[in-house]
Amino acid sequence: MTPVNIQQPQLMSLMAFQEMLQDIAPGAKSTCGLSNISNGPPEHLRPILNQTYMVMLQKYGMYSVIADPLDEQLAAIAKGQRQDIVDLIYGIMDGSDPDMGSLSKELQDYAKTTSVILGKSLYSDSWLEV
């Protein structure tokens, strides 16, 4: 996998592969080194990239991830304690365009990050500020 700040198309390739894997090998389990996506961006941006990409991969059948065990938000999402985040990301992946004005700053950040990973927005170290 390539870091988000280098080549976004490869990020989509992994999600497509995950979807295909479930078609050709139902029940197959896969693991991803989650921090690969955030290798390179500033340290403060790495958690939201990892958290968002984990949810995106989960939608396509990723079974587990190698992740930062100290990232409490990532653990909460993985344990099903932040369904609001999962629903937002899945909705965007399914083509929904959320009303950004109605979202909290936290959810806006996840929406923006999803758009960056999907290649709908260009990556820059300031994507959350725009």
N, C-alpha and C. Protein backbone atom coordinates (compact mmCIF):
# COMPACT_ATOMS: atom_id res chain seq x y z
N MET A 1 0.85 -1.17 0.00
CA MET A 1 0.00 0.00 0.00
C MET A 1 0.89 1.23 0.00
N THR A 2 0.44 2.29 -0.66
CA THR A 2 1.19 3.52 -0.78
C THR A 2 0.63 4.58 0.16
N PRO A 3 1.46 5.43 0.74
CA PRO A 3 0.95 6.50 1.59
C PRO A 3 0.01 7.43 0.84
N VAL A 4 -0.96 7.99 1.54
CA VAL A 4 -1.98 8.84 0.94
C VAL A 4 -1.38 10.07 0.27
N ASN A 5 -0.26 10.55 0.76
CA ASN A 5 0.30 11.77 0.17
C ASN A 5 1.16 11.49 -1.07
N ILE A 6 1.20 10.26 -1.54
CA ILE A 6 1.99 9.94 -2.73
C ILE A 6 1.10 9.51 -3.90
N GLN A 7 0.36 8.42 -3.75
CA GLN A 7 -0.46 7.92 -4.85
C GLN A 7 -1.80 7.44 -4.34
N GLN A 8 -2.84 8.20 -4.60
CA GLN A 8 -4.16 7.82 -4.15
C GLN A 8 -4.77 6.64 -4.92
N PRO A 9 -4.52 6.47 -6.21
CA PRO A 9 -5.15 5.35 -6.93
C PRO A 9 -4.86 3.98 -6.32
N GLN A 10 -3.67 3.79 -5.73
CA GLN A 10 -3.37 2.49 -5.15
C GLN A 10 -4.21 2.21 -3.92
N LEU A 11 -4.67 3.26 -3.24
CA LEU A 11 -5.54 3.06 -2.08
C LEU A 11 -6.85 2.43 -2.53
N MET A 12 -7.38 2.90 -3.63
CA MET A 12 -8.61 2.35 -4.17
C MET A 12 -8.39 0.93 -4.66
N SER A 13 -7.20 0.62 -5.16
CA SER A 13 -6.90 -0.72 -5.64
C SER A 13 -7.00 -1.74 -4.51
N LEU A 14 -6.53 -1.36 -3.32
CA LEU A 14 -6.61 -2.28 -2.19
C LEU A 14 -8.07 -2.53 -1.81
N MET A 15 -8.89 -1.50 -1.83
CA MET A 15 -10.31 -1.69 -1.52
C MET A 15 -10.97 -2.56 -2.59
N ALA A 16 -10.63 -2.36 -3.84
CA ALA A 16 -11.18 -3.18 -4.91
C ALA A 16 -10.72 -4.63 -4.76
N PHE A 17 -9.46 -4.82 -4.39
CA PHE A 17 -8.95 -6.17 -4.17
C PHE A 17 -9.72 -6.84 -3.04
N GLN A 18 -9.97 -6.12 -1.97
CA GLN A 18 -10.72 -6.68 -0.84
C GLN A 18 -12.09 -7.15 -1.27
N GLU A 19 -12.75 -6.35 -2.08
CA GLU A 19 -14.08 -6.70 -2.57
C GLU A 19 -14.01 -7.95 -3.46
N MET A 20 -13.02 -7.99 -4.34
CA MET A 20 -12.83 -9.12 -5.23
C MET A 20 -12.49 -10.39 -4.45
N LEU A 21 -11.67 -10.23 -3.41
CA LEU A 21 -11.28 -11.38 -2.60
C LEU A 21 -12.50 -12.08 -2.01
N GLN A 22 -13.46 -11.32 -1.54
CA GLN A 22 -14.65 -11.92 -0.96
C GLN A 22 -15.49 -12.63 -2.03
N ASP A 23 -15.42 -12.14 -3.26
CA ASP A 23 -16.15 -12.80 -4.35
C ASP A 23 -15.51 -14.13 -4.74
N ILE A 24 -14.17 -14.16 -4.81
CA ILE A 24 -13.52 -15.38 -5.28
C ILE A 24 -13.17 -16.35 -4.15
N ALA A 25 -13.10 -15.84 -2.92
CA ALA A 25 -12.76 -16.69 -1.78
C ALA A 25 -13.61 -16.28 -0.57
N PRO A 26 -14.91 -16.57 -0.63
CA PRO A 26 -15.79 -16.17 0.47
C PRO A 26 -15.26 -16.68 1.81
N GLY A 27 -15.27 -15.79 2.78
CA GLY A 27 -14.80 -16.16 4.11
C GLY A 27 -13.30 -15.96 4.32
N ALA A 28 -12.59 -15.61 3.25
CA ALA A 28 -11.14 -15.38 3.38
C ALA A 28 -10.92 -14.21 4.33
N LYS A 29 -9.91 -14.33 5.14
CA LYS A 29 -9.59 -13.28 6.10
C LYS A 29 -8.30 -12.59 5.67
N SER A 30 -8.26 -11.28 5.80
CA SER A 30 -7.09 -10.52 5.39
C SER A 30 -6.73 -9.50 6.46
N THR A 31 -5.46 -9.11 6.44
CA THR A 31 -4.94 -8.14 7.39
C THR A 31 -4.16 -7.08 6.63
N CYS A 32 -4.22 -5.86 7.11
CA CYS A 32 -3.52 -4.75 6.46
C CYS A 32 -2.70 -4.00 7.50
N GLY A 33 -1.49 -3.62 7.13
CA GLY A 33 -0.68 -2.74 7.96
C GLY A 33 -1.23 -1.34 7.79
N LEU A 34 -2.11 -0.95 8.67
CA LEU A 34 -2.90 0.27 8.52
C LEU A 34 -2.07 1.53 8.42
N SER A 35 -0.98 1.62 9.14
CA SER A 35 -0.21 2.86 9.16
C SER A 35 0.51 3.15 7.85
N ASN A 36 0.52 2.20 6.93
CA ASN A 36 1.14 2.45 5.63
C ASN A 36 0.50 3.65 4.93
N ILE A 37 -0.82 3.81 5.10
CA ILE A 37 -1.51 4.91 4.43
C ILE A 37 -1.06 6.27 4.96
N SER A 38 -0.65 6.31 6.23
CA SER A 38 -0.32 7.60 6.84
C SER A 38 1.18 7.80 7.01
N ASN A 39 1.97 7.00 6.34
CA ASN A 39 3.41 7.16 6.39
C ASN A 39 3.82 8.37 5.55
N GLY A 40 4.28 9.42 6.20
CA GLY A 40 4.69 10.61 5.48
C GLY A 40 3.96 11.87 5.90
N PRO A 41 2.64 11.84 6.04
CA PRO A 41 1.93 13.03 6.51
C PRO A 41 2.37 13.41 7.93
N PRO A 42 2.12 14.67 8.31
CA PRO A 42 2.47 15.09 9.67
C PRO A 42 1.83 14.18 10.73
N GLU A 43 2.53 14.04 11.83
CA GLU A 43 2.12 13.13 12.91
C GLU A 43 0.67 13.34 13.37
N HIS A 44 0.24 14.60 13.45
CA HIS A 44 -1.11 14.87 13.96
C HIS A 44 -2.21 14.43 12.99
N LEU A 45 -1.87 14.18 11.73
CA LEU A 45 -2.87 13.74 10.75
C LEU A 45 -2.96 12.22 10.62
N ARG A 46 -1.98 11.54 11.13
CA ARG A 46 -1.93 10.08 10.96
C ARG A 46 -3.13 9.36 11.57
N PRO A 47 -3.56 9.72 12.78
CA PRO A 47 -4.68 8.97 13.36
C PRO A 47 -5.96 9.02 12.52
N ILE A 48 -6.36 10.19 12.04
CA ILE A 48 -7.62 10.25 11.29
C ILE A 48 -7.50 9.53 9.95
N LEU A 49 -6.34 9.55 9.34
CA LEU A 49 -6.14 8.77 8.11
C LEU A 49 -6.29 7.28 8.40
N ASN A 50 -5.63 6.81 9.45
CA ASN A 50 -5.70 5.39 9.81
C ASN A 50 -7.12 4.99 10.18
N GLN A 51 -7.79 5.81 10.97
CA GLN A 51 -9.14 5.49 11.42
C GLN A 51 -10.11 5.42 10.23
N THR A 52 -10.02 6.41 9.36
CA THR A 52 -10.92 6.47 8.21
C THR A 52 -10.67 5.29 7.27
N TYR A 53 -9.41 5.03 6.98
CA TYR A 53 -9.10 3.93 6.06
C TYR A 53 -9.50 2.58 6.64
N MET A 54 -9.37 2.41 7.95
CA MET A 54 -9.80 1.16 8.57
C MET A 54 -11.29 0.93 8.31
N VAL A 55 -12.09 1.97 8.48
CA VAL A 55 -13.54 1.83 8.25
C VAL A 55 -13.80 1.51 6.78
N MET A 56 -13.09 2.17 5.89
CA MET A 56 -13.28 1.94 4.46
C MET A 56 -12.93 0.50 4.09
N LEU A 57 -11.82 0.01 4.60
CA LEU A 57 -11.42 -1.37 4.33
C LEU A 57 -12.40 -2.37 4.95
N GLN A 58 -12.90 -2.04 6.11
CA GLN A 58 -13.87 -2.91 6.79
C GLN A 58 -15.11 -3.11 5.91
N LYS A 59 -15.53 -2.05 5.25
CA LYS A 59 -16.72 -2.14 4.38
C LYS A 59 -16.51 -3.19 3.29
N TYR A 60 -15.26 -3.35 2.86
CA TYR A 60 -14.95 -4.31 1.80
C TYR A 60 -14.41 -5.63 2.32
N GLY A 61 -14.55 -5.89 3.61
CA GLY A 61 -14.24 -7.21 4.12
C GLY A 61 -12.90 -7.40 4.78
N MET A 62 -12.15 -6.33 5.02
CA MET A 62 -10.87 -6.48 5.73
C MET A 62 -11.17 -7.06 7.11
N TYR A 63 -10.50 -8.13 7.43
CA TYR A 63 -10.76 -8.85 8.68
C TYR A 63 -10.08 -8.22 9.89
N SER A 64 -8.84 -7.79 9.69
CA SER A 64 -8.11 -7.19 10.81
C SER A 64 -7.07 -6.22 10.28
N VAL A 65 -6.56 -5.39 11.18
CA VAL A 65 -5.52 -4.44 10.80
C VAL A 65 -4.42 -4.46 11.85
N ILE A 66 -3.23 -4.14 11.40
CA ILE A 66 -2.12 -3.91 12.31
C ILE A 66 -2.14 -2.41 12.56
N ALA A 67 -2.37 -2.02 13.80
CA ALA A 67 -2.62 -0.61 14.09
C ALA A 67 -1.97 -0.18 15.39
N ASP A 68 -1.98 1.12 15.61
CA ASP A 68 -1.44 1.71 16.83
C ASP A 68 -2.34 1.34 18.01
N PRO A 69 -1.86 0.54 18.94
CA PRO A 69 -2.71 0.13 20.06
C PRO A 69 -3.02 1.27 21.03
N LEU A 70 -2.34 2.38 20.90
CA LEU A 70 -2.59 3.53 21.77
C LEU A 70 -3.61 4.50 21.20
N ASP A 71 -4.08 4.25 19.99
CA ASP A 71 -5.08 5.11 19.35
C ASP A 71 -6.46 4.73 19.89
N GLU A 72 -6.90 5.43 20.91
CA GLU A 72 -8.17 5.11 21.58
C GLU A 72 -9.38 5.28 20.65
N GLN A 73 -9.35 6.29 19.80
CA GLN A 73 -10.47 6.50 18.88
C GLN A 73 -10.56 5.35 17.88
N LEU A 74 -9.43 4.90 17.37
CA LEU A 74 -9.43 3.78 16.45
C LEU A 74 -10.00 2.54 17.13
N ALA A 75 -9.60 2.31 18.38
CA ALA A 75 -10.12 1.16 19.12
C ALA A 75 -11.62 1.29 19.34
N ALA A 76 -12.09 2.49 19.65
CA ALA A 76 -13.54 2.70 19.85
C ALA A 76 -14.31 2.43 18.56
N ILE A 77 -13.77 2.88 17.44
CA ILE A 77 -14.42 2.63 16.15
C ILE A 77 -14.45 1.12 15.87
N ALA A 78 -13.31 0.46 16.07
CA ALA A 78 -13.21 -0.98 15.81
C ALA A 78 -14.15 -1.80 16.70
N LYS A 79 -14.40 -1.31 17.90
CA LYS A 79 -15.28 -2.02 18.83
C LYS A 79 -16.75 -1.69 18.63
N GLY A 80 -17.06 -0.87 17.61
CA GLY A 80 -18.45 -0.55 17.32
C GLY A 80 -19.03 0.55 18.19
N GLN A 81 -18.19 1.33 18.83
CA GLN A 81 -18.65 2.38 19.73
C GLN A 81 -18.84 3.71 19.03
N ARG A 82 -18.49 3.81 17.77
CA ARG A 82 -18.66 5.06 17.01
C ARG A 82 -19.36 4.78 15.68
N GLN A 83 -20.58 4.29 15.78
CA GLN A 83 -21.35 3.97 14.59
C GLN A 83 -21.61 5.21 13.74
N ASP A 84 -21.65 6.39 14.37
CA ASP A 84 -21.86 7.62 13.61
C ASP A 84 -20.75 7.84 12.59
N ILE A 85 -19.54 7.56 12.99
CA ILE A 85 -18.40 7.70 12.07
C ILE A 85 -18.49 6.67 10.95
N VAL A 86 -18.77 5.44 11.31
CA VAL A 86 -18.88 4.36 10.31
C VAL A 86 -20.00 4.69 9.32
N ASP A 87 -21.16 5.10 9.81
CA ASP A 87 -22.29 5.41 8.93
C ASP A 87 -21.95 6.54 7.97
N LEU A 88 -21.27 7.57 8.47
CA LEU A 88 -20.89 8.69 7.62
C LEU A 88 -19.94 8.23 6.51
N ILE A 89 -18.91 7.50 6.87
CA ILE A 89 -17.91 7.06 5.88
C ILE A 89 -18.56 6.11 4.87
N TYR A 90 -19.35 5.16 5.34
CA TYR A 90 -20.02 4.24 4.41
C TYR A 90 -20.95 5.01 3.47
N GLY A 91 -21.66 6.00 4.00
CA GLY A 91 -22.56 6.79 3.16
C GLY A 91 -21.81 7.50 2.05
N ILE A 92 -20.68 8.10 2.39
CA ILE A 92 -19.87 8.80 1.39
C ILE A 92 -19.35 7.79 0.36
N MET A 93 -18.92 6.63 0.81
CA MET A 93 -18.45 5.60 -0.11
C MET A 93 -19.55 5.13 -1.05
N ASP A 94 -20.80 5.19 -0.57
CA ASP A 94 -21.94 4.77 -1.38
C ASP A 94 -22.48 5.90 -2.26
N GLY A 95 -21.82 7.07 -2.22
CA GLY A 95 -22.21 8.16 -3.11
C GLY A 95 -22.98 9.29 -2.45
N SER A 96 -23.23 9.19 -1.16
CA SER A 96 -23.94 10.25 -0.45
C SER A 96 -23.02 11.46 -0.30
N ASP A 97 -23.61 12.64 -0.39
CA ASP A 97 -22.86 13.88 -0.22
C ASP A 97 -23.42 14.58 1.01
N PRO A 98 -22.78 14.41 2.17
CA PRO A 98 -23.35 14.94 3.41
C PRO A 98 -23.39 16.47 3.44
N ASP A 99 -24.36 17.01 4.16
CA ASP A 99 -24.45 18.45 4.39
C ASP A 99 -23.41 18.80 5.44
N MET A 100 -22.28 19.34 5.00
CA MET A 100 -21.17 19.61 5.91
C MET A 100 -21.57 20.55 7.03
N GLY A 101 -22.46 21.50 6.76
CA GLY A 101 -22.89 22.45 7.78
C GLY A 101 -23.65 21.81 8.93
N SER A 102 -24.22 20.64 8.69
CA SER A 102 -24.99 19.96 9.73
C SER A 102 -24.13 19.00 10.56
N LEU A 103 -22.87 18.82 10.15
CA LEU A 103 -21.98 17.88 10.84
C LEU A 103 -21.13 18.61 11.88
N SER A 104 -20.81 17.91 12.94
CA SER A 104 -19.87 18.44 13.93
C SER A 104 -18.50 18.57 13.26
N LYS A 105 -17.60 19.32 13.86
CA LYS A 105 -16.23 19.47 13.32
C LYS A 105 -15.58 18.10 13.20
N GLU A 106 -15.79 17.24 14.20
CA GLU A 106 -15.21 15.90 14.17
C GLU A 106 -15.69 15.13 12.95
N LEU A 107 -16.99 15.12 12.70
CA LEU A 107 -17.53 14.37 11.56
C LEU A 107 -17.15 15.03 10.24
N GLN A 108 -17.03 16.36 10.21
CA GLN A 108 -16.55 17.03 9.01
C GLN A 108 -15.15 16.53 8.65
N ASP A 109 -14.31 16.37 9.68
CA ASP A 109 -12.94 15.88 9.43
C ASP A 109 -12.95 14.48 8.83
N TYR A 110 -13.84 13.61 9.30
CA TYR A 110 -13.93 12.27 8.72
C TYR A 110 -14.46 12.33 7.28
N ALA A 111 -15.42 13.21 7.02
CA ALA A 111 -15.95 13.35 5.66
C ALA A 111 -14.86 13.85 4.72
N LYS A 112 -14.09 14.84 5.15
CA LYS A 112 -13.00 15.37 4.32
C LYS A 112 -11.93 14.31 4.08
N THR A 113 -11.62 13.55 5.11
CA THR A 113 -10.59 12.52 4.98
C THR A 113 -11.05 11.42 4.03
N THR A 114 -12.31 11.04 4.11
CA THR A 114 -12.85 10.04 3.19
C THR A 114 -12.72 10.54 1.75
N SER A 115 -13.04 11.80 1.52
CA SER A 115 -12.94 12.37 0.17
C SER A 115 -11.51 12.36 -0.33
N VAL A 116 -10.56 12.63 0.55
CA VAL A 116 -9.15 12.59 0.15
C VAL A 116 -8.75 11.17 -0.23
N ILE A 117 -9.11 10.20 0.60
CA ILE A 117 -8.73 8.81 0.32
C ILE A 117 -9.40 8.30 -0.95
N LEU A 118 -10.64 8.72 -1.19
CA LEU A 118 -11.34 8.30 -2.40
C LEU A 118 -10.82 9.02 -3.65
N GLY A 119 -9.97 10.01 -3.46
CA GLY A 119 -9.44 10.76 -4.59
C GLY A 119 -10.38 11.84 -5.09
N LYS A 120 -11.42 12.16 -4.33
CA LYS A 120 -12.35 13.22 -4.72
C LYS A 120 -11.76 14.59 -4.41
N SER A 121 -10.83 14.63 -3.48
CA SER A 121 -10.11 15.86 -3.11
C SER A 121 -8.63 15.55 -3.17
N LEU A 122 -7.85 16.54 -3.56
CA LEU A 122 -6.41 16.34 -3.59
C LEU A 122 -5.85 16.36 -2.18
N TYR A 123 -4.84 15.55 -1.95
CA TYR A 123 -4.18 15.54 -0.65
C TYR A 123 -3.32 16.79 -0.49
N SER A 124 -3.38 17.37 0.67
CA SER A 124 -2.41 18.36 1.11
C SER A 124 -2.37 18.23 2.63
N ASP A 125 -1.30 18.69 3.24
CA ASP A 125 -1.20 18.58 4.69
C ASP A 125 -2.23 19.45 5.42
N SER A 126 -2.98 20.25 4.67
CA SER A 126 -3.98 21.13 5.28
C SER A 126 -5.41 20.78 4.87
N TRP A 127 -5.67 19.54 4.39
CA TRP A 127 -7.01 19.21 3.91
C TRP A 127 -8.08 19.38 4.96
N LEU A 128 -7.77 19.23 6.23
CA LEU A 128 -8.78 19.39 7.28
C LEU A 128 -9.09 20.86 7.55
N GLU A 129 -8.22 21.74 7.14
CA GLU A 129 -8.41 23.16 7.38
C GLU A 129 -9.21 23.85 6.28
N VAL A 130 -9.41 23.19 5.16
CA VAL A 130 -10.08 23.78 4.02
C VAL A 130 -11.57 23.59 4.12
